PDB file of N, CA and C in Angstrom:
ATOM      1  N   MET A   1      84.680  74.312 105.142  1.00  0.00           N
ATOM      2  CA  MET A   1      85.529  75.284 104.969  1.00  0.00           C
ATOM      3  C   MET A   1      84.448  76.566 104.476  1.00  0.00           C
ATOM      4  N   CYS A   2      84.669  77.641 105.547  1.00  0.00           N
ATOM      5  CA  CYS A   2      84.281  78.753 105.104  1.00  0.00           C
ATOM      6  C   CYS A   2      84.702  79.778 104.196  1.00  0.00           C
ATOM      7  N   LEU A   3      85.937  79.931 104.374  1.00  0.00           N
ATOM      8  CA  LEU A   3      86.920  80.802 103.560  1.00  0.00           C
ATOM      9  C   LEU A   3      87.613  80.020 102.643  1.00  0.00           C
ATOM     10  N   PRO A   4      87.640  81.002 101.598  1.00  0.00           N
ATOM     11  CA  PRO A   4      89.105  80.426 100.446  1.00  0.00           C
ATOM     12  C   PRO A   4      90.430  80.538 101.168  1.00  0.00           C
ATOM     13  N   ASP A   5      91.634  80.281 100.538  1.00  0.00           N
ATOM     14  CA  ASP A   5      92.734  80.315 101.384  1.00  0.00           C
ATOM     15  C   ASP A   5      93.163  81.842 101.094  1.00  0.00           C
ATOM     16  N   GLU A   6      92.789  82.496  99.688  1.00  0.00           N
ATOM     17  CA  GLU A   6      93.069  84.140  99.644  1.00  0.00           C
ATOM     18  C   GLU A   6      91.557  84.976  99.451  1.00  0.00           C
ATOM     19  N   LEU A   7      91.770  86.325  99.568  1.00  0.00           N
ATOM     20  CA  LEU A   7      90.495  86.921  99.521  1.00  0.00           C
ATOM     21  C   LEU A   7      91.104  88.116  99.412  1.00  0.00           C
ATOM     22  N   PRO A   8      90.945  88.754  98.065  1.00  0.00           N
ATOM     23  CA  PRO A   8      91.880  89.819  97.607  1.00  0.00           C
ATOM     24  C   PRO A   8      91.047  91.083  98.568  1.00  0.00           C
ATOM     25  N   GLY A   9      91.974  92.046  99.229  1.00  0.00           N
ATOM     26  CA  GLY A   9      91.797  93.014  99.821  1.00  0.00           C
ATOM     27  C   GLY A   9      91.858  92.747 101.569  1.00  0.00           C
ATOM     28  N   PHE A  10      91.937  91.675 101.756  1.00  0.00           N
ATOM     29  CA  PHE A  10      91.757  91.244 103.145  1.00  0.00           C
ATOM     30  C   PHE A  10      92.800  90.405 103.059  1.00  0.00           C
ATOM     31  N   ASP A  11      93.312  90.737 104.662  1.00  0.00           N
ATOM     32  CA  ASP A  11      94.453  89.756 105.423  1.00  0.00           C
ATOM     33  C   ASP A  11      93.738  88.882 106.302  1.00  0.00           C
ATOM     34  N   LEU A  12      93.692  87.788 105.865  1.00  0.00           N
ATOM     35  CA  LEU A  12      92.686  87.135 106.550  1.00  0.00           C
ATOM     36  C   LEU A  12      93.535  86.050 107.759  1.00  0.00           C
ATOM     37  N   SER A  13      94.903  86.117 107.748  1.00  0.00           N
ATOM     38  CA  SER A  13      95.344  85.952 108.755  1.00  0.00           C
ATOM     39  C   SER A  13      95.314  86.652 110.050  1.00  0.00           C
ATOM     40  N   ASP A  14      95.389  87.943 109.672  1.00  0.00           N
ATOM     41  CA  ASP A  14      94.950  89.098 110.846  1.00  0.00           C
ATOM     42  C   ASP A  14      93.645  88.938 111.305  1.00  0.00           C
ATOM     43  N   ALA A  15      92.722  88.903 110.416  1.00  0.00           N
ATOM     44  CA  ALA A  15      91.514  88.905 110.975  1.00  0.00           C
ATOM     45  C   ALA A  15      90.989  87.551 111.561  1.00  0.00           C
ATOM     46  N   LEU A  16      91.321  86.439 111.248  1.00  0.00           N
ATOM     47  CA  LEU A  16      91.392  85.412 112.023  1.00  0.00           C
ATOM     48  C   LEU A  16      91.861  85.354 113.087  1.00  0.00           C
ATOM     49  N   TYR A  17      92.983  85.857 113.490  1.00  0.00           N
ATOM     50  CA  TYR A  17      93.477  85.906 114.628  1.00  0.00           C
ATOM     51  C   TYR A  17      92.717  87.002 115.423  1.00  0.00           C
ATOM     52  N   ARG A  18      92.104  87.947 115.121  1.00  0.00           N
ATOM     53  CA  ARG A  18      91.189  88.873 115.940  1.00  0.00           C
ATOM     54  C   ARG A  18      89.839  87.896 116.375  1.00  0.00           C
ATOM     55  N   LEU A  19      89.766  86.887 115.555  1.00  0.00           N
ATOM     56  CA  LEU A  19      88.614  86.203 115.799  1.00  0.00           C
ATOM     57  C   LEU A  19      88.859  84.796 116.164  1.00  0.00           C
ATOM     58  N   MET A  20      90.230  84.544 117.221  1.00  0.00           N
ATOM     59  CA  MET A  20      90.408  83.426 117.318  1.00  0.00           C
ATOM     60  C   MET A  20      90.211  82.205 116.280  1.00  0.00           C
ATOM     61  N   GLY A  21      90.630  82.221 115.136  1.00  0.00           N
ATOM     62  CA  GLY A  21      90.368  81.389 114.138  1.00  0.00           C
ATOM     63  C   GLY A  21      89.064  80.928 113.527  1.00  0.00           C
ATOM     64  N   ASN A  22      88.163  81.993 113.944  1.00  0.00           N
ATOM     65  CA  ASN A  22      86.804  81.583 113.616  1.00  0.00           C
ATOM     66  C   ASN A  22      86.310  81.771 112.231  1.00  0.00           C
ATOM     67  N   ALA A  23      86.823  81.000 111.168  1.00  0.00           N
ATOM     68  CA  ALA A  23      86.741  81.526 109.880  1.00  0.00           C
ATOM     69  C   ALA A  23      85.198  81.670 109.536  1.00  0.00           C
ATOM     70  N   CYS A  24      84.408  80.672 110.042  1.00  0.00           N
ATOM     71  CA  CYS A  24      82.809  80.744 109.789  1.00  0.00           C
ATOM     72  C   CYS A  24      82.116  82.381 110.173  1.00  0.00           C
ATOM     73  N   LEU A  25      82.672  82.904 111.503  1.00  0.00           N
ATOM     74  CA  LEU A  25      82.239  83.877 111.767  1.00  0.00           C
ATOM     75  C   LEU A  25      82.842  85.130 110.933  1.00  0.00           C
ATOM     76  N   LEU A  26      84.290  84.902 110.618  1.00  0.00           N
ATOM     77  CA  LEU A  26      84.575  86.185 109.647  1.00  0.00           C
ATOM     78  C   LEU A  26      83.885  85.817 108.440  1.00  0.00           C
ATOM     79  N   ARG A  27      83.572  84.828 107.980  1.00  0.00           N
ATOM     80  CA  ARG A  27      82.670  85.059 106.574  1.00  0.00           C
ATOM     81  C   ARG A  27      81.351  85.741 106.947  1.00  0.00           C
ATOM     82  N   GLU A  28      80.935  85.486 108.153  1.00  0.00           N
ATOM     83  CA  GLU A  28      79.601  86.115 108.451  1.00  0.00           C
ATOM     84  C   GLU A  28      79.754  87.756 108.220  1.00  0.00           C
ATOM     85  N   ILE A  29      80.959  88.148 109.327  1.00  0.00           N
ATOM     86  CA  ILE A  29      80.951  89.589 109.257  1.00  0.00           C
ATOM     87  C   ILE A  29      81.823  90.059 108.027  1.00  0.00           C
ATOM     88  N   ILE A  30      82.182  89.567 107.195  1.00  0.00           N
ATOM     89  CA  ILE A  30      82.661  90.531 106.106  1.00  0.00           C
ATOM     90  C   ILE A  30      81.275  90.565 104.988  1.00  0.00           C
ATOM     91  N   LEU A  31      80.387  89.277 105.032  1.00  0.00           N
ATOM     92  CA  LEU A  31      79.207  89.694 104.323  1.00  0.00           C
ATOM     93  C   LEU A  31      78.334  90.913 104.800  1.00  0.00           C
ATOM     94  N   GLU A  32      78.256  90.904 106.135  1.00  0.00           N
ATOM     95  CA  GLU A  32      77.541  91.733 106.669  1.00  0.00           C
ATOM     96  C   GLU A  32      78.374  93.225 106.591  1.00  0.00           C
ATOM     97  N   PHE A  33      79.274  93.127 106.264  1.00  0.00           N
ATOM     98  CA  PHE A  33      80.268  94.449 106.286  1.00  0.00           C
ATOM     99  C   PHE A  33      79.833  94.911 104.968  1.00  0.00           C
ATOM    100  N   ALA A  34      79.727  93.994 103.899  1.00  0.00           N
ATOM    101  CA  ALA A  34      79.511  94.202 102.577  1.00  0.00           C
ATOM    102  C   ALA A  34      78.192  94.969 102.243  1.00  0.00           C
ATOM    103  N   GLU A  35      77.069  94.112 102.977  1.00  0.00           N
ATOM    104  CA  GLU A  35      75.702  94.666 102.980  1.00  0.00           C
ATOM    105  C   GLU A  35      75.264  96.097 103.557  1.00  0.00           C
ATOM    106  N   ASN A  36      76.178  96.349 104.711  1.00  0.00           N
ATOM    107  CA  ASN A  36      75.818  97.571 105.438  1.00  0.00           C
ATOM    108  C   ASN A  36      76.791  98.611 105.374  1.00  0.00           C
ATOM    109  N   HIS A  37      77.809  98.463 104.575  1.00  0.00           N
ATOM    110  CA  HIS A  37      78.656  99.645 104.281  1.00  0.00           C
ATOM    111  C   HIS A  37      79.303  99.795 103.045  1.00  0.00           C
ATOM    112  N   ALA A  38      78.543  99.206 102.028  1.00  0.00           N
ATOM    113  CA  ALA A  38      78.890  99.325 100.501  1.00  0.00           C
ATOM    114  C   ALA A  38      78.669 100.584 100.174  1.00  0.00           C
ATOM    115  N   GLY A  39      77.697 101.346 100.701  1.00  0.00           N
ATOM    116  CA  GLY A  39      77.732 102.862 100.164  1.00  0.00           C
ATOM    117  C   GLY A  39      78.504 103.855 101.041  1.00  0.00           C
ATOM    118  N   MET A  40      79.441 103.328 101.386  1.00  0.00           N
ATOM    119  CA  MET A  40      80.249 104.262 102.887  1.00  0.00           C
ATOM    120  C   MET A  40      80.854 105.264 102.004  1.00  0.00           C
ATOM    121  N   VAL A  41      81.679 104.765 100.994  1.00  0.00           N
ATOM    122  CA  VAL A  41      82.266 106.042 100.239  1.00  0.00           C
ATOM    123  C   VAL A  41      81.374 107.097  99.664  1.00  0.00           C
ATOM    124  N   GLU A  42      80.000 106.494  99.198  1.00  0.00           N
ATOM    125  CA  GLU A  42      79.226 107.679  98.640  1.00  0.00           C
ATOM    126  C   GLU A  42      78.930 108.695  99.618  1.00  0.00           C
ATOM    127  N   GLN A  43      78.354 108.007 100.854  1.00  0.00           N
ATOM    128  CA  GLN A  43      77.958 108.522 102.114  1.00  0.00           C
ATOM    129  C   GLN A  43      79.171 109.747 102.096  1.00  0.00           C
ATOM    130  N   ILE A  44      80.225 109.111 102.454  1.00  0.00           N
ATOM    131  CA  ILE A  44      81.277 110.237 102.540  1.00  0.00           C
ATOM    132  C   ILE A  44      81.386 111.361 101.510  1.00  0.00           C
ATOM    133  N   LYS A  45      81.163 111.099 100.419  1.00  0.00           N
ATOM    134  CA  LYS A  45      81.240 112.342  99.017  1.00  0.00           C
ATOM    135  C   LYS A  45      79.869 113.157  99.334  1.00  0.00           C
ATOM    136  N   ASP A  46      78.608 112.265  99.676  1.00  0.00           N
ATOM    137  CA  ASP A  46      77.489 113.428  99.785  1.00  0.00           C
ATOM    138  C   ASP A  46      77.895 113.980 101.151  1.00  0.00           C
ATOM    139  N   SER A  47      78.421 113.843 102.205  1.00  0.00           N
ATOM    140  CA  SER A  47      78.465 114.797 103.176  1.00  0.00           C
ATOM    141  C   SER A  47      79.542 115.919 102.973  1.00  0.00           C
ATOM    142  N   MET A  48      80.797 115.561 101.904  1.00  0.00           N
ATOM    143  CA  MET A  48      81.416 116.578 101.477  1.00  0.00           C
ATOM    144  C   MET A  48      80.646 117.510 100.606  1.00  0.00           C
ATOM    145  N   THR A  49      79.809 117.168  99.758  1.00  0.00           N
ATOM    146  CA  THR A  49      78.911 117.987  98.991  1.00  0.00           C
ATOM    147  C   THR A  49      77.903 119.053  99.510  1.00  0.00           C
ATOM    148  N   VAL A  50      77.536 118.347 100.799  1.00  0.00           N
ATOM    149  CA  VAL A  50      76.468 119.428 101.444  1.00  0.00           C
ATOM    150  C   VAL A  50      77.285 120.236 102.857  1.00  0.00           C
ATOM    151  N   GLU A  51      78.930 119.861 102.683  1.00  0.00           N
ATOM    152  CA  GLU A  51      79.519 120.258 103.656  1.00  0.00           C
ATOM    153  C   GLU A  51      79.081 119.947 105.133  1.00  0.00           C
ATOM    154  N   ASP A  52      78.942 118.640 105.304  1.00  0.00           N
ATOM    155  CA  ASP A  52      78.454 118.373 106.613  1.00  0.00           C
ATOM    156  C   ASP A  52      80.012 117.566 106.944  1.00  0.00           C
ATOM    157  N   TRP A  53      81.054 118.530 107.621  1.00  0.00           N
ATOM    158  CA  TRP A  53      81.999 117.954 108.143  1.00  0.00           C
ATOM    159  C   TRP A  53      82.453 117.199 109.213  1.00  0.00           C
ATOM    160  N   ASP A  54      81.525 117.024 110.169  1.00  0.00           N
ATOM    161  CA  ASP A  54      81.278 115.945 111.201  1.00  0.00           C
ATOM    162  C   ASP A  54      80.819 114.771 110.737  1.00  0.00           C
ATOM    163  N   GLY A  55      80.151 114.961 109.417  1.00  0.00           N
ATOM    164  CA  GLY A  55      79.620 113.357 109.197  1.00  0.00           C
ATOM    165  C   GLY A  55      80.807 113.124 108.448  1.00  0.00           C
ATOM    166  N   VAL A  56      81.200 113.785 107.486  1.00  0.00           N
ATOM    167  CA  VAL A  56      82.772 113.602 106.973  1.00  0.00           C
ATOM    168  C   VAL A  56      83.563 112.470 107.702  1.00  0.00           C
ATOM    169  N   ARG A  57      84.061 113.119 108.887  1.00  0.00           N
ATOM    170  CA  ARG A  57      84.966 112.685 109.910  1.00  0.00           C
ATOM    171  C   ARG A  57      84.233 111.358 110.446  1.00  0.00           C
ATOM    172  N   ARG A  58      83.168 111.351 111.084  1.00  0.00           N
ATOM    173  CA  ARG A  58      82.471 110.306 111.405  1.00  0.00           C
ATOM    174  C   ARG A  58      82.400 108.989 110.721  1.00  0.00           C
ATOM    175  N   ARG A  59      82.108 109.568 109.514  1.00  0.00           N
ATOM    176  CA  ARG A  59      82.179 108.260 108.466  1.00  0.00           C
ATOM    177  C   ARG A  59      83.478 107.782 108.229  1.00  0.00           C
ATOM    178  N   ILE A  60      84.438 108.366 108.075  1.00  0.00           N
ATOM    179  CA  ILE A  60      85.750 108.130 107.917  1.00  0.00           C
ATOM    180  C   ILE A  60      86.398 107.229 108.740  1.00  0.00           C
ATOM    181  N   HIS A  61      86.253 107.901 110.036  1.00  0.00           N
ATOM    182  CA  HIS A  61      86.818 107.417 111.337  1.00  0.00           C
ATOM    183  C   HIS A  61      85.907 105.910 111.356  1.00  0.00           C
ATOM    184  N   SER A  62      84.839 105.772 111.177  1.00  0.00           N
ATOM    185  CA  SER A  62      84.239 104.402 111.360  1.00  0.00           C
ATOM    186  C   SER A  62      84.637 103.510 110.405  1.00  0.00           C
ATOM    187  N   LEU A  63      84.641 103.819 108.872  1.00  0.00           N
ATOM    188  CA  LEU A  63      85.109 103.216 108.243  1.00  0.00           C
ATOM    189  C   LEU A  63      86.783 102.815 108.457  1.00  0.00           C
ATOM    190  N   LYS A  64      87.546 103.531 108.765  1.00  0.00           N
ATOM    191  CA  LYS A  64      88.880 103.151 109.404  1.00  0.00           C
ATOM    192  C   LYS A  64      88.601 101.854 110.323  1.00  0.00           C
ATOM    193  N   GLY A  65      87.893 102.099 111.370  1.00  0.00           N
ATOM    194  CA  GLY A  65      87.899 101.008 112.217  1.00  0.00           C
ATOM    195  C   GLY A  65      87.414  99.664 111.815  1.00  0.00           C
ATOM    196  N   VAL A  66      86.189  99.820 111.189  1.00  0.00           N
ATOM    197  CA  VAL A  66      85.728  98.656 111.033  1.00  0.00           C
ATOM    198  C   VAL A  66      86.655  97.720 109.812  1.00  0.00           C
ATOM    199  N   ALA A  67      87.050  98.294 108.907  1.00  0.00           N
ATOM    200  CA  ALA A  67      87.692  97.832 107.815  1.00  0.00           C
ATOM    201  C   ALA A  67      88.899  97.094 108.624  1.00  0.00           C
ATOM    202  N   GLY A  68      89.420  98.039 109.569  1.00  0.00           N
ATOM    203  CA  GLY A  68      90.607  97.375 109.947  1.00  0.00           C
ATOM    204  C   GLY A  68      90.051  96.061 110.970  1.00  0.00           C
ATOM    205  N   ASN A  69      89.202  96.077 111.492  1.00  0.00           N
ATOM    206  CA  ASN A  69      88.644  95.128 112.563  1.00  0.00           C
ATOM    207  C   ASN A  69      88.506  93.578 111.216  1.00  0.00           C
ATOM    208  N   ILE A  70      88.147  93.881 110.490  1.00  0.00           N
ATOM    209  CA  ILE A  70      87.912  92.601 109.694  1.00  0.00           C
ATOM    210  C   ILE A  70      88.927  92.168 108.682  1.00  0.00           C
ATOM    211  N   GLY A  71      89.984  92.970 108.451  1.00  0.00           N
ATOM    212  CA  GLY A  71      91.441  92.615 108.051  1.00  0.00           C
ATOM    213  C   GLY A  71      91.227  93.432 106.656  1.00  0.00           C
ATOM    214  N   ALA A  72      90.590  94.175 106.316  1.00  0.00           N
ATOM    215  CA  ALA A  72      90.601  94.748 105.105  1.00  0.00           C
ATOM    216  C   ALA A  72      91.675  96.222 105.154  1.00  0.00           C
ATOM    217  N   GLN A  73      92.802  95.827 105.000  1.00  0.00           N
ATOM    218  CA  GLN A  73      93.666  96.612 105.384  1.00  0.00           C
ATOM    219  C   GLN A  73      94.033  97.539 104.552  1.00  0.00           C
ATOM    220  N   ASP A  74      93.650  97.390 102.950  1.00  0.00           N
ATOM    221  CA  ASP A  74      93.990  98.665 102.092  1.00  0.00           C
ATOM    222  C   ASP A  74      92.861  99.393 102.196  1.00  0.00           C
ATOM    223  N   LEU A  75      91.622  99.254 102.552  1.00  0.00           N
ATOM    224  CA  LEU A  75      90.722 100.092 102.837  1.00  0.00           C
ATOM    225  C   LEU A  75      90.822 100.685 104.063  1.00  0.00           C
ATOM    226  N   ALA A  76      91.105 100.106 105.553  1.00  0.00           N
ATOM    227  CA  ALA A  76      91.597 100.634 106.535  1.00  0.00           C
ATOM    228  C   ALA A  76      92.619 101.689 106.214  1.00  0.00           C
ATOM    229  N   ARG A  77      93.524 101.290 105.199  1.00  0.00           N
ATOM    230  CA  ARG A  77      94.418 102.098 104.982  1.00  0.00           C
ATOM    231  C   ARG A  77      94.375 103.658 104.287  1.00  0.00           C
ATOM    232  N   GLY A  78      93.357 103.440 103.360  1.00  0.00           N
ATOM    233  CA  GLY A  78      92.887 104.058 102.812  1.00  0.00           C
ATOM    234  C   GLY A  78      92.051 105.487 103.981  1.00  0.00           C
ATOM    235  N   ALA A  79      91.078 104.796 104.605  1.00  0.00           N
ATOM    236  CA  ALA A  79      90.265 105.547 105.213  1.00  0.00           C
ATOM    237  C   ALA A  79      91.306 106.311 106.487  1.00  0.00           C
ATOM    238  N   LYS A  80      92.385 105.539 106.850  1.00  0.00           N
ATOM    239  CA  LYS A  80      93.465 106.460 107.650  1.00  0.00           C
ATOM    240  C   LYS A  80      93.880 107.759 106.653  1.00  0.00           C
ATOM    241  N   ASP A  81      94.272 107.239 105.408  1.00  0.00           N
ATOM    242  CA  ASP A  81      94.865 108.298 104.889  1.00  0.00           C
ATOM    243  C   ASP A  81      93.831 109.272 104.484  1.00  0.00           C
ATOM    244  N   ALA A  82      92.910 109.163 104.476  1.00  0.00           N
ATOM    245  CA  ALA A  82      91.997 110.377 104.438  1.00  0.00           C
ATOM    246  C   ALA A  82      91.597 110.734 105.468  1.00  0.00           C
ATOM    247  N   GLU A  83      91.377 110.422 106.728  1.00  0.00           N
ATOM    248  CA  GLU A  83      91.222 110.984 107.720  1.00  0.00           C
ATOM    249  C   GLU A  83      92.345 112.073 108.016  1.00  0.00           C
ATOM    250  N   LEU A  84      93.634 111.511 107.991  1.00  0.00           N
ATOM    251  CA  LEU A  84      94.866 112.523 108.281  1.00  0.00           C
ATOM    252  C   LEU A  84      94.931 113.494 107.200  1.00  0.00           C
ATOM    253  N   ALA A  85      94.753 113.187 105.887  1.00  0.00           N
ATOM    254  CA  ALA A  85      94.614 114.492 104.824  1.00  0.00           C
ATOM    255  C   ALA A  85      93.781 115.172 104.922  1.00  0.00           C
ATOM    256  N   PHE A  86      92.304 115.285 105.635  1.00  0.00           N
ATOM    257  CA  PHE A  86      91.341 115.802 105.792  1.00  0.00           C
ATOM    258  C   PHE A  86      91.754 116.813 106.958  1.00  0.00           C
ATOM    259  N   ARG A  87      92.224 115.975 107.855  1.00  0.00           N
ATOM    260  CA  ARG A  87      92.901 117.164 109.007  1.00  0.00           C
ATOM    261  C   ARG A  87      94.229 118.069 109.006  1.00  0.00           C
ATOM    262  N   GLU A  88      94.810 117.562 108.095  1.00  0.00           N
ATOM    263  CA  GLU A  88      96.109 118.265 107.850  1.00  0.00           C
ATOM    264  C   GLU A  88      95.788 119.433 106.620  1.00  0.00           C
ATOM    265  N   ARG A  89      94.937 119.062 105.622  1.00  0.00           N
ATOM    266  CA  ARG A  89      94.941 119.800 104.381  1.00  0.00           C
ATOM    267  C   ARG A  89      93.591 120.268 103.853  1.00  0.00           C
ATOM    268  N   GLY A  90      92.632 119.757 104.761  1.00  0.00           N
ATOM    269  CA  GLY A  90      91.059 120.212 104.556  1.00  0.00           C
ATOM    270  C   GLY A  90      90.412 119.579 103.256  1.00  0.00           C
ATOM    271  N   LEU A  91      89.624 119.996 102.883  1.00  0.00           N
ATOM    272  CA  LEU A  91      88.656 119.248 102.035  1.00  0.00           C
ATOM    273  C   LEU A  91      89.695 118.984 100.608  1.00  0.00           C
ATOM    274  N   GLU A  92      90.590 119.654 100.078  1.00  0.00           N
ATOM    275  CA  GLU A  92      91.442 119.529  98.866  1.00  0.00           C
ATOM    276  C   GLU A  92      92.268 118.191  99.255  1.00  0.00           C
ATOM    277  N   GLY A  93      92.717 118.018 100.540  1.00  0.00           N
ATOM    278  CA  GLY A  93      93.286 117.014 100.935  1.00  0.00           C
ATOM    279  C   GLY A  93      92.528 115.724 100.747  1.00  0.00           C
ATOM    280  N   LEU A  94      91.355 115.942 101.364  1.00  0.00           N
ATOM    281  CA  LEU A  94      90.343 114.813 101.409  1.00  0.00           C
ATOM    282  C   LEU A  94      90.054 114.285  99.764  1.00  0.00           C
ATOM    283  N   LYS A  95      90.191 115.075  99.079  1.00  0.00           N
ATOM    284  CA  LYS A  95      89.169 114.801  97.743  1.00  0.00           C
ATOM    285  C   LYS A  95      90.626 114.078  96.830  1.00  0.00           C
ATOM    286  N   SER A  96      91.712 114.540  97.262  1.00  0.00           N
ATOM    287  CA  SER A  96      93.191 113.497  96.690  1.00  0.00           C
ATOM    288  C   SER A  96      93.046 112.246  97.133  1.00  0.00           C
ATOM    289  N   THR A  97      92.110 111.869  98.364  1.00  0.00           N
ATOM    290  CA  THR A  97      92.318 110.434  98.893  1.00  0.00           C
ATOM    291  C   THR A  97      91.210 109.596  98.194  1.00  0.00           C
ATOM    292  N   ILE A  98      90.171 110.276  97.678  1.00  0.00           N
ATOM    293  CA  ILE A  98      88.752 109.545  97.443  1.00  0.00           C
ATOM    294  C   ILE A  98      89.080 108.511  96.509  1.00  0.00           C
ATOM    295  N   PRO A  99      89.763 108.741  95.452  1.00  0.00           N
ATOM    296  CA  PRO A  99      90.129 107.582  94.210  1.00  0.00           C
ATOM    297  C   PRO A  99      90.814 106.529  94.882  1.00  0.00           C
ATOM    298  N   ALA A 100      91.490 106.573  95.489  1.00  0.00           N
ATOM    299  CA  ALA A 100      92.157 105.401  96.349  1.00  0.00           C
ATOM    300  C   ALA A 100      91.036 104.666  97.286  1.00  0.00           C
ATOM    301  N   LEU A 101      90.515 105.089  97.817  1.00  0.00           N
ATOM    302  CA  LEU A 101      89.551 104.883  99.078  1.00  0.00           C
ATOM    303  C   LEU A 101      88.307 104.272  98.196  1.00  0.00           C
ATOM    304  N   GLU A 102      87.821 104.356  97.014  1.00  0.00           N
ATOM    305  CA  GLU A 102      86.646 103.770  96.100  1.00  0.00           C
ATOM    306  C   GLU A 102      87.301 102.494  95.440  1.00  0.00           C
ATOM    307  N   THR A 103      88.841 102.752  95.584  1.00  0.00           N
ATOM    308  CA  THR A 103      89.599 101.421  94.498  1.00  0.00           C
ATOM    309  C   THR A 103      89.281 100.292  95.877  1.00  0.00           C
ATOM    310  N   ALA A 104      89.879 100.729  97.004  1.00  0.00           N
ATOM    311  CA  ALA A 104      89.881  99.697  97.962  1.00  0.00           C
ATOM    312  C   ALA A 104      88.562  99.034  98.368  1.00  0.00           C
ATOM    313  N   MET A 105      87.619  99.856  98.364  1.00  0.00           N
ATOM    314  CA  MET A 105      86.152  99.392  98.770  1.00  0.00           C
ATOM    315  C   MET A 105      85.655  98.662  97.451  1.00  0.00           C
ATOM    316  N   GLU A 106      85.786  98.933  96.350  1.00  0.00           N
ATOM    317  CA  GLU A 106      85.463  97.964  95.314  1.00  0.00           C
ATOM    318  C   GLU A 106      86.077  96.579  95.272  1.00  0.00           C
ATOM    319  N   VAL A 107      87.616  96.448  95.623  1.00  0.00           N
ATOM    320  CA  VAL A 107      88.280  95.264  95.677  1.00  0.00           C
ATOM    321  C   VAL A 107      87.459  94.451  97.167  1.00  0.00           C
ATOM    322  N   VAL A 108      87.289  94.927  97.677  1.00  0.00           N
ATOM    323  CA  VAL A 108      86.376  94.478  99.194  1.00  0.00           C
ATOM    324  C   VAL A 108      85.198  93.808  98.963  1.00  0.00           C
ATOM    325  N   LEU A 109      84.282  94.793  98.107  1.00  0.00           N
ATOM    326  CA  LEU A 109      83.078  94.497  97.726  1.00  0.00           C
ATOM    327  C   LEU A 109      82.942  93.149  97.005  1.00  0.00           C
ATOM    328  N   THR A 110      83.580  93.356  95.754  1.00  0.00           N
ATOM    329  CA  THR A 110      84.108  92.165  94.859  1.00  0.00           C
ATOM    330  C   THR A 110      84.281  90.627  95.675  1.00  0.00           C
ATOM    331  N   SER A 111      85.146  91.007  96.453  1.00  0.00           N
ATOM    332  CA  SER A 111      85.637  89.659  97.428  1.00  0.00           C
ATOM    333  C   SER A 111      84.630  89.215  98.030  1.00  0.00           C
ATOM    334  N   ALA A 112      83.813  90.383  98.607  1.00  0.00           N
ATOM    335  CA  ALA A 112      82.531  89.873  99.557  1.00  0.00           C
ATOM    336  C   ALA A 112      81.593  88.809  98.628  1.00  0.00           C
ATOM    337  N   GLN A 113      81.485  89.430  97.178  1.00  0.00           N
ATOM    338  CA  GLN A 113      80.402  88.807  96.258  1.00  0.00           C
ATOM    339  C   GLN A 113      81.173  87.340  95.970  1.00  0.00           C
ATOM    340  N   VAL A 114      82.268  87.394  95.863  1.00  0.00           N
ATOM    341  CA  VAL A 114      83.025  85.967  95.408  1.00  0.00           C
ATOM    342  C   VAL A 114      82.866  85.194  97.033  1.00  0.00           C
ATOM    343  N   LEU A 115      83.217  86.036  98.081  1.00  0.00           N
ATOM    344  CA  LEU A 115      82.795  84.961  99.305  1.00  0.00           C
ATOM    345  C   LEU A 115      81.137  84.580  99.361  1.00  0.00           C
ATOM    346  N   LYS A 116      80.260  85.294  99.194  1.00  0.00           N
ATOM    347  CA  LYS A 116      78.904  84.971  99.030  1.00  0.00           C
ATOM    348  C   LYS A 116      78.553  83.723  98.159  1.00  0.00           C
ATOM    349  N   ASN A 117      79.277  83.547  97.149  1.00  0.00           N
ATOM    350  CA  ASN A 117      79.049  82.468  96.420  1.00  0.00           C
ATOM    351  C   ASN A 117      79.914  81.374  96.447  1.00  0.00           C
ATOM    352  N   PHE A 118      80.829  81.640  97.554  1.00  0.00           N
ATOM    353  CA  PHE A 118      81.874  80.043  97.795  1.00  0.00           C
ATOM    354  C   PHE A 118      81.108  79.397  98.548  1.00  0.00           C
ATOM    355  N   PRO A 119      81.350  78.085  98.276  1.00  0.00           N
ATOM    356  CA  PRO A 119      80.964  76.996  98.879  1.00  0.00           C
ATOM    357  C   PRO A 119      81.022  76.817 100.387  1.00  0.00           C
ATOM    358  N   GLY A 120      80.554  77.258 101.415  1.00  0.00           N
ATOM    359  CA  GLY A 120      80.899  77.366 102.814  1.00  0.00           C
ATOM    360  C   GLY A 120      79.951  76.943 103.732  1.00  0.00           C
TER     361      GLY A 120
END
């Protein structure tokens, strides 16, 4: 068994559907996501600080897509909200979405750590 029955921050049934039920592959993808994207929210904030608006857009869009593909629905939704807020209300709109994005990322990363220690 490669995955627990539930993993906070993830819709496992959705993610497994995308991977044709391959739980071991999903485990690998989640762990790889945590390793490669753990600092993504900080990178978005850093891009905001130096006014790299293209970098902000690119990072948020990338996070939205990757999170959605691995079943991290709250994180994907947070990135979608950030993308929309930035497009419609600029920097102030984006700033208002960062706390929820950080929280969703923390849940995903905590679950990835649990998964790393899960016997599988």
